[in-house]
Amino acid sequence: MRSLNWSDGGLTIIDQTRLPAEVAELRIKTVDDLVAAIKRLSVRGAPALGVAGAYGVVLAARAHHPLDDSDGFDRAVTALRSARPTAVNLARMVDRVAAVARRSADETLTAAHAVRDAELAASVAMGELGADLLLELVERRPLRVMTICNTGGLATVERGTALAAIQVLHERGLLQEALPLETRPLLQGARLTTWELGRMGAPHRLVVDSAGPFLLARGEADVVVIGADRVAANGDTANKIGSFSLALGAANAGVPFVVIAPESTIDLDTPDGASIDIEDRGPEEVVSALGTSLAPAGTRAINPAFDVTPATLIAALVTEQRVVRFDRGQALELRSVGAVGNG
């Protein structure tokens, strides 16, 4: 199952705000519709946002031909790339396909398909490389793997990043159980990751966010694996809020902490985690849940969507191309990204 795809002149996405109660598709035919879907998290996950943004440029080019209406095209591109600020994939893939569109509008859709196909291949490779590394880091068999947020096919197009490695472990018969955190405030772990784990038949138990570090201290997980929305040049990693707490708990318990993300998530232009723009989504998602009020009217809230885990707490970064062992002093270097140029 693909979380999003292009067909018949538009983008079709699984509306993640309606899972797990209903598997419903949204038909996107305008840039405004796509920007709205991104902001309300109908489509989410750094790699999926990159693919959605690439197809958004196709919509922009068809509504505002880059040569005949460059101002309209540029406004649409700006709206797309800024719809969510933390995940580098969105702006990067929008810019990449927009550059193709400005040279040859006829090649825009081909460029967007190339972005999608690169992410599909990346998910397969990350799953295999990630599973191999987890088995290298942990002697115990089968493995108990803790994770946070949603890093499966819903966050990419198919299979995923961190959840792809968990899926490969399950397919190899080497997964005892997955331990996904519920992931406040929008419960992507509870709503989405458990849904994907159930579809693949993998054993799992849902964990309260604040219980994760304590369970690590009690020895109830062998490894922690997360995805990423942006990896800075020094290896600092922005991911869903709660990841930093897990990294601290893992360090205290002596449990390996691993990041799995595509090369498209690495941003060598961002020197460190302090330079990453962290999205604050406002109080509504904290003072209410799934339409039900939780706090008195007028309650203010702090709601960072992401946090930053220092590279010093990360054992390794796995991409579709390589494994970077921060615990062995290895550092990031420039690599080509995807199938449409470099950057």
Protein backbone atom coordinates (compact mmCIF):
# COMPACT_ATOMS: atom_id res chain seq x y z
CA MET A 1 0.00 0.00 0.00
CA ARG A 2 1.30 3.44 -0.93
CA SER A 3 0.50 6.37 1.32
CA LEU A 4 0.47 8.75 -1.66
CA ASN A 5 0.70 8.55 -5.43
CA TRP A 6 0.06 10.51 -8.59
CA SER A 7 -2.75 9.43 -10.91
CA ASP A 8 -5.11 11.03 -13.42
CA GLY A 9 -3.62 14.50 -13.09
CA GLY A 10 -3.67 14.76 -9.31
CA LEU A 11 -2.24 13.48 -6.06
CA THR A 12 -4.05 10.84 -4.03
CA ILE A 13 -3.10 10.51 -0.36
CA ILE A 14 -4.27 8.44 2.57
CA ASP A 15 -5.73 10.96 5.04
CA GLN A 16 -3.71 10.19 8.15
CA THR A 17 -5.96 12.31 10.37
CA ARG A 18 -8.73 9.71 9.92
CA LEU A 19 -6.69 6.64 10.83
CA PRO A 20 -7.09 4.14 12.40
CA ALA A 21 -10.87 4.42 12.42
CA GLU A 22 -11.14 4.85 8.66
CA VAL A 23 -8.86 4.37 5.68
CA ALA A 24 -9.92 7.31 3.54
CA GLU A 25 -8.21 8.89 0.55
CA LEU A 26 -7.95 12.56 -0.30
CA ARG A 27 -7.79 13.77 -3.86
CA ILE A 28 -5.47 16.77 -4.21
CA LYS A 29 -5.59 18.85 -7.40
CA THR A 30 -4.40 22.30 -6.27
CA VAL A 31 -1.42 23.67 -4.39
CA ASP A 32 -3.73 25.29 -1.83
CA ASP A 33 -5.34 21.92 -1.10
CA LEU A 34 -1.94 20.28 -0.69
CA VAL A 35 -0.60 23.01 1.61
CA ALA A 36 -3.71 22.66 3.78
CA ALA A 37 -3.31 18.86 3.88
CA ILE A 38 0.33 19.23 4.93
CA LYS A 39 -0.44 21.72 7.68
CA ARG A 40 -3.23 19.63 9.20
CA LEU A 41 -1.03 16.49 8.95
CA SER A 42 -3.22 14.60 6.50
CA VAL A 43 0.14 13.87 4.90
CA ARG A 44 3.18 13.87 7.19
CA GLY A 45 6.59 12.29 7.69
CA ALA A 46 9.73 13.90 6.28
CA PRO A 47 10.20 11.62 3.22
CA ALA A 48 6.48 11.66 2.39
CA LEU A 49 6.49 15.45 2.63
CA GLY A 50 9.35 15.55 0.15
CA VAL A 51 7.43 13.41 -2.32
CA ALA A 52 4.21 15.37 -1.78
CA GLY A 53 6.08 18.62 -2.30
CA ALA A 54 7.59 17.31 -5.53
CA TYR A 55 4.12 16.56 -6.88
CA GLY A 56 2.92 19.89 -5.53
CA VAL A 57 5.35 21.56 -7.93
CA VAL A 58 3.67 19.65 -10.77
CA LEU A 59 0.34 21.11 -9.67
CA ALA A 60 1.92 24.56 -9.46
CA ALA A 61 3.42 24.26 -12.95
CA ARG A 62 0.08 23.24 -14.43
CA ALA A 63 -1.74 26.15 -12.76
CA HIS A 64 1.01 28.73 -13.35
CA HIS A 65 3.33 27.89 -16.21
CA PRO A 66 6.85 28.71 -14.98
CA LEU A 67 7.69 30.67 -18.16
CA ASP A 68 4.34 32.38 -18.78
CA ASP A 69 3.39 33.11 -15.14
CA SER A 70 6.63 33.00 -13.21
CA ASP A 71 5.29 35.15 -10.33
CA GLY A 72 2.33 32.84 -9.77
CA PHE A 73 4.57 29.80 -9.99
CA ASP A 74 7.07 31.27 -7.54
CA ARG A 75 4.32 32.12 -5.04
CA ALA A 76 3.00 28.56 -5.22
CA VAL A 77 6.49 27.13 -4.72
CA THR A 78 7.06 29.38 -1.71
CA ALA A 79 3.78 28.27 -0.15
CA LEU A 80 4.72 24.62 -0.63
CA ARG A 81 8.27 24.80 0.70
CA SER A 82 7.23 26.72 3.83
CA ALA A 83 4.17 24.63 4.75
CA ARG A 84 6.21 22.92 7.51
CA PRO A 85 9.63 24.30 8.43
CA THR A 86 11.50 21.57 10.32
CA ALA A 87 11.59 18.72 7.80
CA VAL A 88 14.27 19.60 5.24
CA ASN A 89 12.91 17.10 2.70
CA LEU A 90 9.90 19.26 1.86
CA ALA A 91 11.80 22.41 0.86
CA ARG A 92 14.63 20.43 -0.72
CA MET A 93 12.42 18.39 -3.06
CA VAL A 94 10.19 21.35 -3.89
CA ASP A 95 13.28 23.33 -4.90
CA ARG A 96 14.68 20.42 -6.88
CA VAL A 97 11.59 19.84 -9.00
CA ALA A 98 10.93 23.58 -9.32
CA ALA A 99 14.39 23.98 -10.87
CA VAL A 100 13.49 21.34 -13.46
CA ALA A 101 10.15 23.04 -14.11
CA ARG A 102 11.83 26.37 -14.80
CA ARG A 103 14.07 24.71 -17.39
CA SER A 104 11.44 22.49 -19.01
CA ALA A 105 7.88 22.34 -17.75
CA ASP A 106 7.33 19.17 -19.76
CA GLU A 107 9.84 17.32 -17.56
CA THR A 108 8.29 18.33 -14.22
CA LEU A 109 6.20 15.22 -13.72
CA THR A 110 9.12 12.97 -14.64
CA ALA A 111 11.23 14.75 -12.02
CA ALA A 112 8.54 14.27 -9.37
CA HIS A 113 8.23 10.57 -10.23
CA ALA A 114 12.01 10.30 -9.81
CA VAL A 115 11.75 11.74 -6.29
CA ARG A 116 9.04 9.20 -5.44
CA ASP A 117 10.97 6.28 -6.92
CA ALA A 118 14.13 7.29 -5.05
CA GLU A 119 12.22 7.26 -1.75
CA LEU A 120 10.69 3.87 -2.55
CA ALA A 121 14.13 2.39 -3.16
CA ALA A 122 15.53 4.17 -0.10
CA SER A 123 12.93 2.59 2.20
CA VAL A 124 13.87 -0.90 1.09
CA ALA A 125 17.59 -0.22 1.53
CA MET A 126 17.15 1.47 4.92
CA GLY A 127 15.13 -1.46 6.20
CA GLU A 128 17.83 -3.96 5.31
CA LEU A 129 20.80 -1.86 6.44
CA GLY A 130 18.96 -0.82 9.60
CA ALA A 131 18.05 -4.37 10.58
CA ASP A 132 21.61 -5.53 9.95
CA LEU A 133 22.98 -2.80 12.21
CA LEU A 134 20.50 -3.48 15.02
CA LEU A 135 21.53 -7.14 14.96
CA GLU A 136 25.18 -6.08 15.07
CA LEU A 137 24.62 -3.80 18.05
CA VAL A 138 22.51 -6.20 20.11
CA GLU A 139 23.50 -9.75 21.06
CA ARG A 140 20.09 -10.79 22.38
CA ARG A 141 17.76 -12.68 20.02
CA PRO A 142 15.00 -11.97 19.21
CA LEU A 143 15.09 -8.18 19.63
CA ARG A 144 12.83 -5.85 21.60
CA VAL A 145 12.80 -2.53 19.76
CA MET A 146 11.47 0.77 21.11
CA THR A 147 10.46 3.56 18.73
CA ILE A 148 8.53 6.83 18.70
CA CYS A 149 6.10 8.56 16.34
CA ASN A 150 5.37 6.97 12.97
CA THR A 151 8.20 6.01 10.63
CA GLY A 152 6.49 3.45 8.41
CA GLY A 153 4.99 3.60 4.96
CA LEU A 154 2.65 6.38 6.03
CA ALA A 155 5.67 8.59 6.70
CA THR A 156 7.39 7.69 3.42
CA VAL A 157 5.53 6.05 0.55
CA GLU A 158 6.04 2.36 1.36
CA ARG A 159 7.78 0.46 4.20
CA GLY A 160 9.41 3.45 5.90
CA THR A 161 12.61 4.32 7.77
CA ALA A 162 12.92 3.10 11.37
CA LEU A 163 9.75 1.02 11.06
CA ALA A 164 11.12 -0.54 7.88
CA ALA A 165 14.00 -1.97 9.93
CA ILE A 166 11.52 -3.32 12.47
CA GLN A 167 9.54 -4.87 9.61
CA VAL A 168 12.66 -6.58 8.26
CA LEU A 169 13.45 -7.98 11.71
CA HIS A 170 9.91 -9.33 11.88
CA GLU A 171 10.18 -10.85 8.40
CA ARG A 172 13.43 -12.55 9.44
CA GLY A 173 11.81 -13.96 12.59
CA LEU A 174 14.11 -11.88 14.80
CA LEU A 175 11.64 -9.47 16.40
CA GLN A 176 10.32 -10.33 19.86
CA GLU A 177 8.22 -7.18 19.99
CA ALA A 178 8.06 -3.56 18.98
CA LEU A 179 7.42 -0.97 21.68
CA PRO A 180 6.01 2.16 20.01
CA LEU A 181 5.44 5.25 22.12
CA GLU A 182 2.00 6.87 21.84
CA THR A 183 3.58 10.20 20.74
CA ARG A 184 1.85 13.27 22.09
CA PRO A 185 0.13 15.43 21.16
CA LEU A 186 -1.37 13.90 18.02
CA LEU A 187 -0.77 10.27 18.97
CA GLN A 188 0.89 9.22 15.72
CA GLY A 189 2.45 6.25 17.50
CA ALA A 190 -0.86 5.11 18.96
CA ARG A 191 -2.95 5.81 15.87
CA LEU A 192 -0.56 5.11 13.01
CA THR A 193 2.39 2.96 14.09
CA THR A 194 0.22 0.39 15.87
CA TRP A 195 -2.00 0.29 12.77
CA GLU A 196 1.00 -0.42 10.55
CA LEU A 197 2.46 -2.98 12.97
CA GLY A 198 -0.91 -4.72 13.07
CA ARG A 199 -1.08 -4.85 9.28
CA MET A 200 2.34 -6.52 9.12
CA GLY A 201 1.44 -8.93 11.93
CA ALA A 202 4.32 -7.81 14.14
CA PRO A 203 3.99 -8.28 17.93
CA HIS A 204 3.80 -4.96 19.73
CA ARG A 205 2.71 -3.15 22.87
CA LEU A 206 1.91 0.55 23.06
CA VAL A 207 3.90 2.61 25.57
CA VAL A 208 2.95 5.83 27.37
CA ASP A 209 5.40 8.53 26.24
CA SER A 210 6.71 9.34 29.70
CA ALA A 211 7.23 5.62 30.50
CA GLY A 212 9.81 5.07 27.75
CA PRO A 213 12.97 6.06 29.69
CA PHE A 214 11.81 4.11 32.75
CA LEU A 215 11.23 0.96 30.72
CA LEU A 216 14.71 1.34 29.25
CA ALA A 217 16.13 1.60 32.78
CA ARG A 218 14.32 -1.64 33.68
CA GLY A 219 15.92 -3.43 30.73
CA GLU A 220 12.68 -3.95 28.80
CA ALA A 221 14.06 -2.91 25.39
CA ASP A 222 17.28 -3.81 23.64
CA VAL A 223 17.57 -0.88 21.27
CA VAL A 224 15.84 2.41 20.42
CA VAL A 225 15.38 3.33 16.77
CA ILE A 226 13.85 6.56 15.48
CA GLY A 227 13.43 8.45 12.22
CA ALA A 228 14.44 12.04 11.55
CA ASP A 229 13.05 15.23 10.08
CA ARG A 230 16.45 16.89 9.73
CA VAL A 231 20.01 15.78 10.47
CA ALA A 232 22.47 18.64 10.93
CA ALA A 233 26.04 18.57 9.65
CA ASN A 234 27.39 17.54 13.06
CA GLY A 235 24.88 14.69 13.39
CA ASP A 236 22.44 16.42 15.74
CA THR A 237 19.00 15.12 14.81
CA ALA A 238 15.55 16.72 14.91
CA ASN A 239 12.73 14.23 15.34
CA LYS A 240 9.30 14.06 16.93
CA ILE A 241 9.10 15.53 20.41
CA GLY A 242 10.05 12.88 22.98
CA SER A 243 13.01 11.52 21.02
CA PHE A 244 15.53 13.44 23.17
CA SER A 245 14.03 11.97 26.34
CA LEU A 246 14.41 8.48 24.90
CA ALA A 247 18.02 9.21 23.96
CA LEU A 248 18.80 10.31 27.52
CA GLY A 249 17.08 7.22 28.90
CA ALA A 250 18.93 4.99 26.46
CA ALA A 251 22.29 6.52 27.41
CA ASN A 252 21.54 5.98 31.10
CA ALA A 253 20.56 2.35 30.47
CA GLY A 254 23.41 1.56 28.07
CA VAL A 255 20.96 0.87 25.24
CA PRO A 256 21.99 1.74 21.65
CA PHE A 257 20.10 4.67 20.14
CA VAL A 258 19.91 4.59 16.32
CA VAL A 259 18.54 7.04 13.75
CA ILE A 260 17.32 5.74 10.38
CA ALA A 261 16.58 8.36 7.74
CA PRO A 262 17.19 8.89 4.01
CA GLU A 263 20.07 10.93 2.65
CA SER A 264 17.48 13.56 1.70
CA THR A 265 17.04 14.32 5.41
CA ILE A 266 20.71 15.25 5.95
CA ASP A 267 21.24 19.00 5.80
CA LEU A 268 24.93 19.91 5.71
CA ASP A 269 23.96 23.58 5.40
CA THR A 270 22.64 23.42 8.97
CA PRO A 271 25.72 23.24 11.20
CA ASP A 272 24.13 21.86 14.36
CA GLY A 273 20.89 21.21 16.18
CA ALA A 274 20.69 24.71 17.61
CA SER A 275 20.32 26.00 14.05
CA ILE A 276 17.26 23.86 13.24
CA ASP A 277 13.94 25.73 13.09
CA ILE A 278 11.61 23.86 15.48
CA GLU A 279 7.94 24.11 14.60
CA ASP A 280 5.56 25.07 17.43
CA ARG A 281 2.04 24.03 16.52
CA GLY A 282 0.19 26.15 19.08
CA PRO A 283 -1.96 25.15 22.06
CA GLU A 284 -4.97 23.50 20.43
CA GLU A 285 -3.31 20.09 19.96
CA VAL A 286 -2.29 20.07 23.64
CA VAL A 287 -5.41 21.39 25.37
CA SER A 288 -7.59 19.02 23.34
CA ALA A 289 -7.26 15.58 21.80
CA LEU A 290 -9.14 14.27 18.78
CA GLY A 291 -11.76 16.98 19.21
CA THR A 292 -12.24 16.58 22.98
CA SER A 293 -11.21 19.36 25.38
CA LEU A 294 -8.69 18.28 28.02
CA ALA A 295 -7.91 21.56 29.78
CA PRO A 296 -9.96 24.57 30.95
CA ALA A 297 -10.79 27.16 28.33
CA GLY A 298 -8.04 29.71 27.89
CA THR A 299 -5.24 27.40 29.02
CA ARG A 300 -1.98 28.29 27.30
CA ALA A 301 0.42 25.59 26.14
CA ILE A 302 3.90 24.99 24.77
CA ASN A 303 3.78 22.63 21.82
CA PRO A 304 7.08 22.03 20.00
CA ALA A 305 6.45 19.42 17.34
CA PHE A 306 10.08 18.25 17.42
CA ASP A 307 13.11 18.13 19.66
CA VAL A 308 16.82 17.76 18.92
CA THR A 309 18.96 14.82 20.01
CA PRO A 310 22.71 15.61 20.15
CA ALA A 311 24.92 13.37 18.04
CA THR A 312 26.80 12.44 21.22
CA LEU A 313 23.75 10.40 22.26
CA ILE A 314 23.34 8.66 18.88
CA ALA A 315 25.18 5.40 18.21
CA ALA A 316 24.66 5.49 14.45
CA LEU A 317 22.80 7.04 11.54
CA VAL A 318 21.56 4.65 8.86
CA THR A 319 20.61 5.92 5.41
CA GLU A 320 19.88 4.08 2.17
CA GLN A 321 23.55 4.47 1.24
CA ARG A 322 25.59 4.03 4.41
CA VAL A 323 25.89 3.55 8.15
CA VAL A 324 27.62 6.39 10.01
CA ARG A 325 28.88 5.23 13.41
CA PHE A 326 28.95 8.32 15.61
CA ASP A 327 29.93 6.07 18.51
CA ARG A 328 33.17 5.33 16.63
CA GLY A 329 33.92 8.95 15.80
CA GLN A 330 32.70 8.82 12.21
CA ALA A 331 31.33 12.04 10.70
CA LEU A 332 28.91 13.00 7.95
CA GLU A 333 30.13 13.90 4.48
CA LEU A 334 28.44 15.08 1.32
CA ARG A 335 26.63 12.42 -0.70
CA SER A 336 24.33 12.58 -3.70
CA VAL A 337 20.63 12.56 -2.84
CA GLY A 338 17.92 10.90 -4.87
CA ALA A 339 17.59 10.63 -8.59
CA VAL A 340 17.23 14.27 -9.63
CA GLY A 341 20.63 15.90 -9.23
CA ASN A 342 22.59 16.43 -6.03
CA GLY A 343 22.11 18.49 -2.90
